[in-house]
Structures are given as C-alpha cells and as structure tokens.
Amino acid sequence: MAVLDDLPEHSPVVAEDIRRMEYSLTQMGHASFVNILHNKGDRLLNRTLLAMFSTFSQQINGAGTIGFYTTTVFE
C-alpha cells in the first residue's frame, strides 16, 4: 500500500487503508449468497439485477463477440 500511494511504510494513511481492508474481509465472512436476493440498505437485489441485465444485453446485441474477434478481423 505504501508503494502504491508513494508514502512511508508506517504512514497513518497506509495503516488506515490496511485496517479498512481487514474490516472488509471480516465482514465478507458473515455474508450469505441469499443476501443478494434481498433489497435492504445496500440494495443488493437492484445491483444484482442490473449486472445480470447488462451482461444479458451485451450477449444479445453481440458486443462480446465483436470485442473478442476484433483483432482477428482487422488482421
């Protein structure tokens, strides 16, 4: 983290970033897959449906195929 932010190793900013990462990892351990099907404070259901819709629409209109084969076509 210190190298990425160009700060000293024992900087308070680096220590806070590491603390936030550790907190995030502990919170992930308490989650359940079923939580994405509920629309509580984090609106996980909305986010899940939005991600599914964007992936579905990309596959329907062929954007993934065009992006994958673009280099082959232009060669």
PDB file of N, CA and C in Angstrom:
ATOM      1  N   MET A   1       0.824  -1.179   0.000  1.00  0.00           N
ATOM      2  CA  MET A   1       0.000   0.000   0.000  1.00  0.00           C
ATOM      3  C   MET A   1       0.875   1.252   0.000  1.00  0.00           C
ATOM      4  N   ALA A   2       1.957   1.190   0.709  1.00  0.00           N
ATOM      5  CA  ALA A   2       2.848   2.352   0.776  1.00  0.00           C
ATOM      6  C   ALA A   2       3.456   2.646  -0.595  1.00  0.00           C
ATOM      7  N   VAL A   3       3.804   1.611  -1.316  1.00  0.00           N
ATOM      8  CA  VAL A   3       4.391   1.803  -2.638  1.00  0.00           C
ATOM      9  C   VAL A   3       3.356   2.387  -3.595  1.00  0.00           C
ATOM     10  N   LEU A   4       2.134   1.907  -3.524  1.00  0.00           N
ATOM     11  CA  LEU A   4       1.087   2.401  -4.425  1.00  0.00           C
ATOM     12  C   LEU A   4       0.781   3.875  -4.182  1.00  0.00           C
ATOM     13  N   ASP A   5       0.795   4.293  -2.922  1.00  0.00           N
ATOM     14  CA  ASP A   5       0.484   5.681  -2.593  1.00  0.00           C
ATOM     15  C   ASP A   5       1.728   6.561  -2.491  1.00  0.00           C
ATOM     16  N   ASP A   6       2.916   5.963  -2.674  1.00  0.00           N
ATOM     17  CA  ASP A   6       4.188   6.686  -2.571  1.00  0.00           C
ATOM     18  C   ASP A   6       4.309   7.381  -1.210  1.00  0.00           C
ATOM     19  N   LEU A   7       4.093   6.567  -0.162  1.00  0.00           N
ATOM     20  CA  LEU A   7       4.157   7.048   1.213  1.00  0.00           C
ATOM     21  C   LEU A   7       5.117   6.175   2.013  1.00  0.00           C
ATOM     22  N   PRO A   8       5.541   6.634   3.187  1.00  0.00           N
ATOM     23  CA  PRO A   8       6.362   5.772   4.049  1.00  0.00           C
ATOM     24  C   PRO A   8       5.548   4.571   4.543  1.00  0.00           C
ATOM     25  N   GLU A   9       6.250   3.487   4.886  1.00  0.00           N
ATOM     26  CA  GLU A   9       5.580   2.250   5.297  1.00  0.00           C
ATOM     27  C   GLU A   9       4.704   2.423   6.526  1.00  0.00           C
ATOM     28  N   HIS A  10       5.123   3.252   7.450  1.00  0.00           N
ATOM     29  CA  HIS A  10       4.391   3.405   8.710  1.00  0.00           C
ATOM     30  C   HIS A  10       3.519   4.659   8.720  1.00  0.00           C
ATOM     31  N   SER A  11       3.084   5.072   7.557  1.00  0.00           N
ATOM     32  CA  SER A  11       2.220   6.239   7.443  1.00  0.00           C
ATOM     33  C   SER A  11       0.827   5.940   8.000  1.00  0.00           C
ATOM     34  N   PRO A  12       0.171   6.913   8.630  1.00  0.00           N
ATOM     35  CA  PRO A  12      -1.196   6.699   9.134  1.00  0.00           C
ATOM     36  C   PRO A  12      -2.189   6.384   8.011  1.00  0.00           C
ATOM     37  N   VAL A  13      -1.955   6.926   6.844  1.00  0.00           N
ATOM     38  CA  VAL A  13      -2.839   6.656   5.709  1.00  0.00           C
ATOM     39  C   VAL A  13      -2.760   5.186   5.317  1.00  0.00           C
ATOM     40  N   VAL A  14      -1.564   4.639   5.280  1.00  0.00           N
ATOM     41  CA  VAL A  14      -1.368   3.230   4.941  1.00  0.00           C
ATOM     42  C   VAL A  14      -1.990   2.345   6.013  1.00  0.00           C
ATOM     43  N   ALA A  15      -1.789   2.694   7.269  1.00  0.00           N
ATOM     44  CA  ALA A  15      -2.368   1.907   8.366  1.00  0.00           C
ATOM     45  C   ALA A  15      -3.887   1.920   8.297  1.00  0.00           C
ATOM     46  N   GLU A  16      -4.474   3.054   7.973  1.00  0.00           N
ATOM     47  CA  GLU A  16      -5.938   3.149   7.850  1.00  0.00           C
ATOM     48  C   GLU A  16      -6.444   2.322   6.663  1.00  0.00           C
ATOM     49  N   ASP A  17      -5.740   2.350   5.547  1.00  0.00           N
ATOM     50  CA  ASP A  17      -6.128   1.533   4.392  1.00  0.00           C
ATOM     51  C   ASP A  17      -6.106   0.046   4.739  1.00  0.00           C
ATOM     52  N   ILE A  18      -5.077  -0.383   5.432  1.00  0.00           N
ATOM     53  CA  ILE A  18      -4.968  -1.792   5.822  1.00  0.00           C
ATOM     54  C   ILE A  18      -6.073  -2.155   6.809  1.00  0.00           C
ATOM     55  N   ARG A  19      -6.377  -1.259   7.747  1.00  0.00           N
ATOM     56  CA  ARG A  19      -7.458  -1.511   8.693  1.00  0.00           C
ATOM     57  C   ARG A  19      -8.788  -1.662   7.972  1.00  0.00           C
ATOM     58  N   ARG A  20      -9.040  -0.823   6.985  1.00  0.00           N
ATOM     59  CA  ARG A  20     -10.287  -0.915   6.218  1.00  0.00           C
ATOM     60  C   ARG A  20     -10.364  -2.232   5.439  1.00  0.00           C
ATOM     61  N   MET A  21      -9.259  -2.659   4.878  1.00  0.00           N
ATOM     62  CA  MET A  21      -9.247  -3.932   4.148  1.00  0.00           C
ATOM     63  C   MET A  21      -9.518  -5.105   5.074  1.00  0.00           C
ATOM     64  N   GLU A  22      -8.896  -5.086   6.235  1.00  0.00           N
ATOM     65  CA  GLU A  22      -9.124  -6.168   7.202  1.00  0.00           C
ATOM     66  C   GLU A  22     -10.575  -6.185   7.660  1.00  0.00           C
ATOM     67  N   TYR A  23     -11.158  -5.013   7.894  1.00  0.00           N
ATOM     68  CA  TYR A  23     -12.561  -4.936   8.286  1.00  0.00           C
ATOM     69  C   TYR A  23     -13.462  -5.485   7.186  1.00  0.00           C
ATOM     70  N   SER A  24     -13.163  -5.122   5.956  1.00  0.00           N
ATOM     71  CA  SER A  24     -13.952  -5.605   4.822  1.00  0.00           C
ATOM     72  C   SER A  24     -13.888  -7.124   4.715  1.00  0.00           C
ATOM     73  N   LEU A  25     -12.714  -7.684   4.917  1.00  0.00           N
ATOM     74  CA  LEU A  25     -12.564  -9.140   4.850  1.00  0.00           C
ATOM     75  C   LEU A  25     -13.333  -9.838   5.963  1.00  0.00           C
ATOM     76  N   THR A  26     -13.352  -9.261   7.157  1.00  0.00           N
ATOM     77  CA  THR A  26     -14.117  -9.881   8.236  1.00  0.00           C
ATOM     78  C   THR A  26     -15.615  -9.790   7.968  1.00  0.00           C
ATOM     79  N   GLN A  27     -16.065  -8.704   7.366  1.00  0.00           N
ATOM     80  CA  GLN A  27     -17.482  -8.565   7.043  1.00  0.00           C
ATOM     81  C   GLN A  27     -17.913  -9.520   5.933  1.00  0.00           C
ATOM     82  N   MET A  28     -17.038  -9.805   5.012  1.00  0.00           N
ATOM     83  CA  MET A  28     -17.361 -10.736   3.930  1.00  0.00           C
ATOM     84  C   MET A  28     -17.587 -12.142   4.461  1.00  0.00           C
ATOM     85  N   GLY A  29     -16.943 -12.491   5.534  1.00  0.00           N
ATOM     86  CA  GLY A  29     -17.104 -13.810   6.115  1.00  0.00           C
ATOM     87  C   GLY A  29     -18.477 -14.033   6.721  1.00  0.00           C
ATOM     88  N   HIS A  30     -19.202 -12.956   7.016  1.00  0.00           N
ATOM     89  CA  HIS A  30     -20.520 -13.065   7.633  1.00  0.00           C
ATOM     90  C   HIS A  30     -21.648 -13.027   6.610  1.00  0.00           C
ATOM     91  N   ALA A  31     -21.317 -12.858   5.337  1.00  0.00           N
ATOM     92  CA  ALA A  31     -22.344 -12.718   4.301  1.00  0.00           C
ATOM     93  C   ALA A  31     -22.834 -14.076   3.826  1.00  0.00           C
ATOM     94  N   SER A  32     -23.969 -14.043   3.161  1.00  0.00           N
ATOM     95  CA  SER A  32     -24.559 -15.256   2.612  1.00  0.00           C
ATOM     96  C   SER A  32     -24.981 -14.975   1.176  1.00  0.00           C
ATOM     97  N   PHE A  33     -24.982 -16.016   0.362  1.00  0.00           N
ATOM     98  CA  PHE A  33     -25.379 -15.863  -1.039  1.00  0.00           C
ATOM     99  C   PHE A  33     -26.834 -15.415  -1.150  1.00  0.00           C
ATOM    100  N   VAL A  34     -27.648 -15.804  -0.218  1.00  0.00           N
ATOM    101  CA  VAL A  34     -29.066 -15.458  -0.240  1.00  0.00           C
ATOM    102  C   VAL A  34     -29.269 -13.956  -0.034  1.00  0.00           C
ATOM    103  N   ASN A  35     -28.290 -13.282   0.551  1.00  0.00           N
ATOM    104  CA  ASN A  35     -28.414 -11.844   0.807  1.00  0.00           C
ATOM    105  C   ASN A  35     -28.560 -11.026  -0.475  1.00  0.00           C
ATOM    106  N   ILE A  36     -28.061 -11.540  -1.599  1.00  0.00           N
ATOM    107  CA  ILE A  36     -28.190 -10.766  -2.838  1.00  0.00           C
ATOM    108  C   ILE A  36     -29.620 -10.781  -3.362  1.00  0.00           C
ATOM    109  N   LEU A  37     -30.473 -11.616  -2.796  1.00  0.00           N
ATOM    110  CA  LEU A  37     -31.866 -11.671  -3.226  1.00  0.00           C
ATOM    111  C   LEU A  37     -32.775 -10.801  -2.358  1.00  0.00           C
ATOM    112  N   HIS A  38     -32.188 -10.040  -1.438  1.00  0.00           N
ATOM    113  CA  HIS A  38     -32.960  -9.141  -0.576  1.00  0.00           C
ATOM    114  C   HIS A  38     -32.554  -7.711  -0.864  1.00  0.00           C
ATOM    115  N   ASN A  39     -33.514  -6.816  -0.785  1.00  0.00           N
ATOM    116  CA  ASN A  39     -33.261  -5.410  -1.085  1.00  0.00           C
ATOM    117  C   ASN A  39     -33.287  -4.593   0.198  1.00  0.00           C
ATOM    118  N   LYS A  40     -32.231  -4.696   0.979  1.00  0.00           N
ATOM    119  CA  LYS A  40     -32.154  -3.953   2.238  1.00  0.00           C
ATOM    120  C   LYS A  40     -31.371  -2.666   2.013  1.00  0.00           C
ATOM    121  N   GLY A  41     -30.599  -2.230   2.971  1.00  0.00           N
ATOM    122  CA  GLY A  41     -29.875  -0.968   2.885  1.00  0.00           C
ATOM    123  C   GLY A  41     -28.874  -0.891   1.755  1.00  0.00           C
ATOM    124  N   ASP A  42     -28.259  -2.009   1.407  1.00  0.00           N
ATOM    125  CA  ASP A  42     -27.247  -1.996   0.345  1.00  0.00           C
ATOM    126  C   ASP A  42     -27.844  -2.136  -1.054  1.00  0.00           C
ATOM    127  N   ARG A  43     -29.136  -2.435  -1.127  1.00  0.00           N
ATOM    128  CA  ARG A  43     -29.843  -2.607  -2.402  1.00  0.00           C
ATOM    129  C   ARG A  43     -29.151  -3.657  -3.277  1.00  0.00           C
ATOM    130  N   LEU A  44     -28.795  -4.774  -2.670  1.00  0.00           N
ATOM    131  CA  LEU A  44     -28.075  -5.825  -3.386  1.00  0.00           C
ATOM    132  C   LEU A  44     -28.907  -6.445  -4.487  1.00  0.00           C
ATOM    133  N   LEU A  45     -30.208  -6.563  -4.301  1.00  0.00           N
ATOM    134  CA  LEU A  45     -31.061  -7.115  -5.352  1.00  0.00           C
ATOM    135  C   LEU A  45     -31.027  -6.218  -6.583  1.00  0.00           C
ATOM    136  N   ASN A  46     -31.110  -4.912  -6.388  1.00  0.00           N
ATOM    137  CA  ASN A  46     -31.039  -3.989  -7.527  1.00  0.00           C
ATOM    138  C   ASN A  46     -29.703  -4.103  -8.248  1.00  0.00           C
ATOM    139  N   ARG A  47     -28.639  -4.191  -7.504  1.00  0.00           N
ATOM    140  CA  ARG A  47     -27.307  -4.299  -8.108  1.00  0.00           C
ATOM    141  C   ARG A  47     -27.148  -5.608  -8.865  1.00  0.00           C
ATOM    142  N   THR A  48     -27.674  -6.678  -8.291  1.00  0.00           N
ATOM    143  CA  THR A  48     -27.581  -7.981  -8.943  1.00  0.00           C
ATOM    144  C   THR A  48     -28.365  -7.981 -10.251  1.00  0.00           C
ATOM    145  N   LEU A  49     -29.571  -7.463 -10.219  1.00  0.00           N
ATOM    146  CA  LEU A  49     -30.393  -7.423 -11.433  1.00  0.00           C
ATOM    147  C   LEU A  49     -29.783  -6.516 -12.495  1.00  0.00           C
ATOM    148  N   LEU A  50     -29.183  -5.418 -12.084  1.00  0.00           N
ATOM    149  CA  LEU A  50     -28.524  -4.520 -13.028  1.00  0.00           C
ATOM    150  C   LEU A  50     -27.341  -5.209 -13.699  1.00  0.00           C
ATOM    151  N   ALA A  51     -26.552  -5.933 -12.927  1.00  0.00           N
ATOM    152  CA  ALA A  51     -25.416  -6.665 -13.501  1.00  0.00           C
ATOM    153  C   ALA A  51     -25.888  -7.759 -14.447  1.00  0.00           C
ATOM    154  N   MET A  52     -26.960  -8.460 -14.063  1.00  0.00           N
ATOM    155  CA  MET A  52     -27.495  -9.511 -14.931  1.00  0.00           C
ATOM    156  C   MET A  52     -28.038  -8.921 -16.233  1.00  0.00           C
ATOM    157  N   PHE A  53     -28.748  -7.794 -16.141  1.00  0.00           N
ATOM    158  CA  PHE A  53     -29.303  -7.174 -17.332  1.00  0.00           C
ATOM    159  C   PHE A  53     -28.208  -6.692 -18.267  1.00  0.00           C
ATOM    160  N   SER A  54     -27.167  -6.068 -17.732  1.00  0.00           N
ATOM    161  CA  SER A  54     -26.103  -5.566 -18.603  1.00  0.00           C
ATOM    162  C   SER A  54     -25.364  -6.707 -19.293  1.00  0.00           C
ATOM    163  N   THR A  55     -25.135  -7.807 -18.584  1.00  0.00           N
ATOM    164  CA  THR A  55     -24.485  -8.962 -19.199  1.00  0.00           C
ATOM    165  C   THR A  55     -25.386  -9.582 -20.254  1.00  0.00           C
ATOM    166  N   PHE A  56     -26.666  -9.713 -19.953  1.00  0.00           N
ATOM    167  CA  PHE A  56     -27.621 -10.279 -20.896  1.00  0.00           C
ATOM    168  C   PHE A  56     -27.705  -9.428 -22.158  1.00  0.00           C
ATOM    169  N   SER A  57     -27.814  -8.105 -22.006  1.00  0.00           N
ATOM    170  CA  SER A  57     -27.947  -7.243 -23.175  1.00  0.00           C
ATOM    171  C   SER A  57     -26.668  -7.230 -24.006  1.00  0.00           C
ATOM    172  N   GLN A  58     -25.525  -7.376 -23.367  1.00  0.00           N
ATOM    173  CA  GLN A  58     -24.273  -7.447 -24.115  1.00  0.00           C
ATOM    174  C   GLN A  58     -24.239  -8.703 -24.973  1.00  0.00           C
ATOM    175  N   GLN A  59     -24.711  -9.805 -24.441  1.00  0.00           N
ATOM    176  CA  GLN A  59     -24.718 -11.045 -25.208  1.00  0.00           C
ATOM    177  C   GLN A  59     -25.753 -11.005 -26.327  1.00  0.00           C
ATOM    178  N   ILE A  60     -26.880 -10.370 -26.078  1.00  0.00           N
ATOM    179  CA  ILE A  60     -27.932 -10.300 -27.096  1.00  0.00           C
ATOM    180  C   ILE A  60     -27.499  -9.460 -28.295  1.00  0.00           C
ATOM    181  N   ASN A  61     -26.855  -8.328 -28.057  1.00  0.00           N
ATOM    182  CA  ASN A  61     -26.509  -7.461 -29.187  1.00  0.00           C
ATOM    183  C   ASN A  61     -25.162  -7.813 -29.820  1.00  0.00           C
ATOM    184  N   GLY A  62     -24.449  -8.784 -29.298  1.00  0.00           N
ATOM    185  CA  GLY A  62     -23.224  -9.249 -29.935  1.00  0.00           C
ATOM    186  C   GLY A  62     -21.984  -8.449 -29.591  1.00  0.00           C
ATOM    187  N   ALA A  63     -22.050  -7.572 -28.622  1.00  0.00           N
ATOM    188  CA  ALA A  63     -20.889  -6.745 -28.283  1.00  0.00           C
ATOM    189  C   ALA A  63     -19.730  -7.599 -27.800  1.00  0.00           C
ATOM    190  N   GLY A  64     -20.008  -8.665 -27.066  1.00  0.00           N
ATOM    191  CA  GLY A  64     -18.944  -9.548 -26.599  1.00  0.00           C
ATOM    192  C   GLY A  64     -18.240 -10.241 -27.746  1.00  0.00           C
ATOM    193  N   THR A  65     -19.015 -10.688 -28.724  1.00  0.00           N
ATOM    194  CA  THR A  65     -18.444 -11.363 -29.891  1.00  0.00           C
ATOM    195  C   THR A  65     -17.606 -10.401 -30.709  1.00  0.00           C
ATOM    196  N   ILE A  66     -18.114  -9.212 -30.934  1.00  0.00           N
ATOM    197  CA  ILE A  66     -17.370  -8.214 -31.703  1.00  0.00           C
ATOM    198  C   ILE A  66     -16.071  -7.856 -30.992  1.00  0.00           C
ATOM    199  N   GLY A  67     -16.131  -7.654 -29.701  1.00  0.00           N
ATOM    200  CA  GLY A  67     -14.927  -7.320 -28.947  1.00  0.00           C
ATOM    201  C   GLY A  67     -13.905  -8.441 -28.954  1.00  0.00           C
ATOM    202  N   PHE A  68     -14.378  -9.677 -28.927  1.00  0.00           N
ATOM    203  CA  PHE A  68     -13.463 -10.821 -28.895  1.00  0.00           C
ATOM    204  C   PHE A  68     -12.762 -11.011 -30.239  1.00  0.00           C
ATOM    205  N   TYR A  69     -13.494 -10.868 -31.331  1.00  0.00           N
ATOM    206  CA  TYR A  69     -12.939 -11.150 -32.652  1.00  0.00           C
ATOM    207  C   TYR A  69     -12.420  -9.924 -33.392  1.00  0.00           C
ATOM    208  N   THR A  70     -12.400  -8.757 -32.781  1.00  0.00           N
ATOM    209  CA  THR A  70     -11.970  -7.550 -33.461  1.00  0.00           C
ATOM    210  C   THR A  70     -10.544  -7.653 -33.967  1.00  0.00           C
ATOM    211  N   THR A  71      -9.633  -8.139 -33.139  1.00  0.00           N
ATOM    212  CA  THR A  71      -8.234  -8.228 -33.582  1.00  0.00           C
ATOM    213  C   THR A  71      -8.076  -9.210 -34.734  1.00  0.00           C
ATOM    214  N   THR A  72      -8.829 -10.297 -34.718  1.00  0.00           N
ATOM    215  CA  THR A  72      -8.750 -11.275 -35.808  1.00  0.00           C
ATOM    216  C   THR A  72      -9.273 -10.672 -37.107  1.00  0.00           C
ATOM    217  N   VAL A  73     -10.353  -9.944 -37.038  1.00  0.00           N
ATOM    218  CA  VAL A  73     -10.947  -9.350 -38.221  1.00  0.00           C
ATOM    219  C   VAL A  73     -10.017  -8.305 -38.831  1.00  0.00           C
ATOM    220  N   PHE A  74      -9.381  -7.481 -38.001  1.00  0.00           N
ATOM    221  CA  PHE A  74      -8.527  -6.420 -38.512  1.00  0.00           C
ATOM    222  C   PHE A  74      -7.164  -6.906 -38.981  1.00  0.00           C
ATOM    223  N   GLU A  75      -6.823  -8.138 -38.671  1.00  0.00           N
ATOM    224  CA  GLU A  75      -5.550  -8.682 -39.180  1.00  0.00           C
ATOM    225  C   GLU A  75      -5.732  -9.027 -40.630  1.00  0.00           C
TER     226      GLU A  75
END
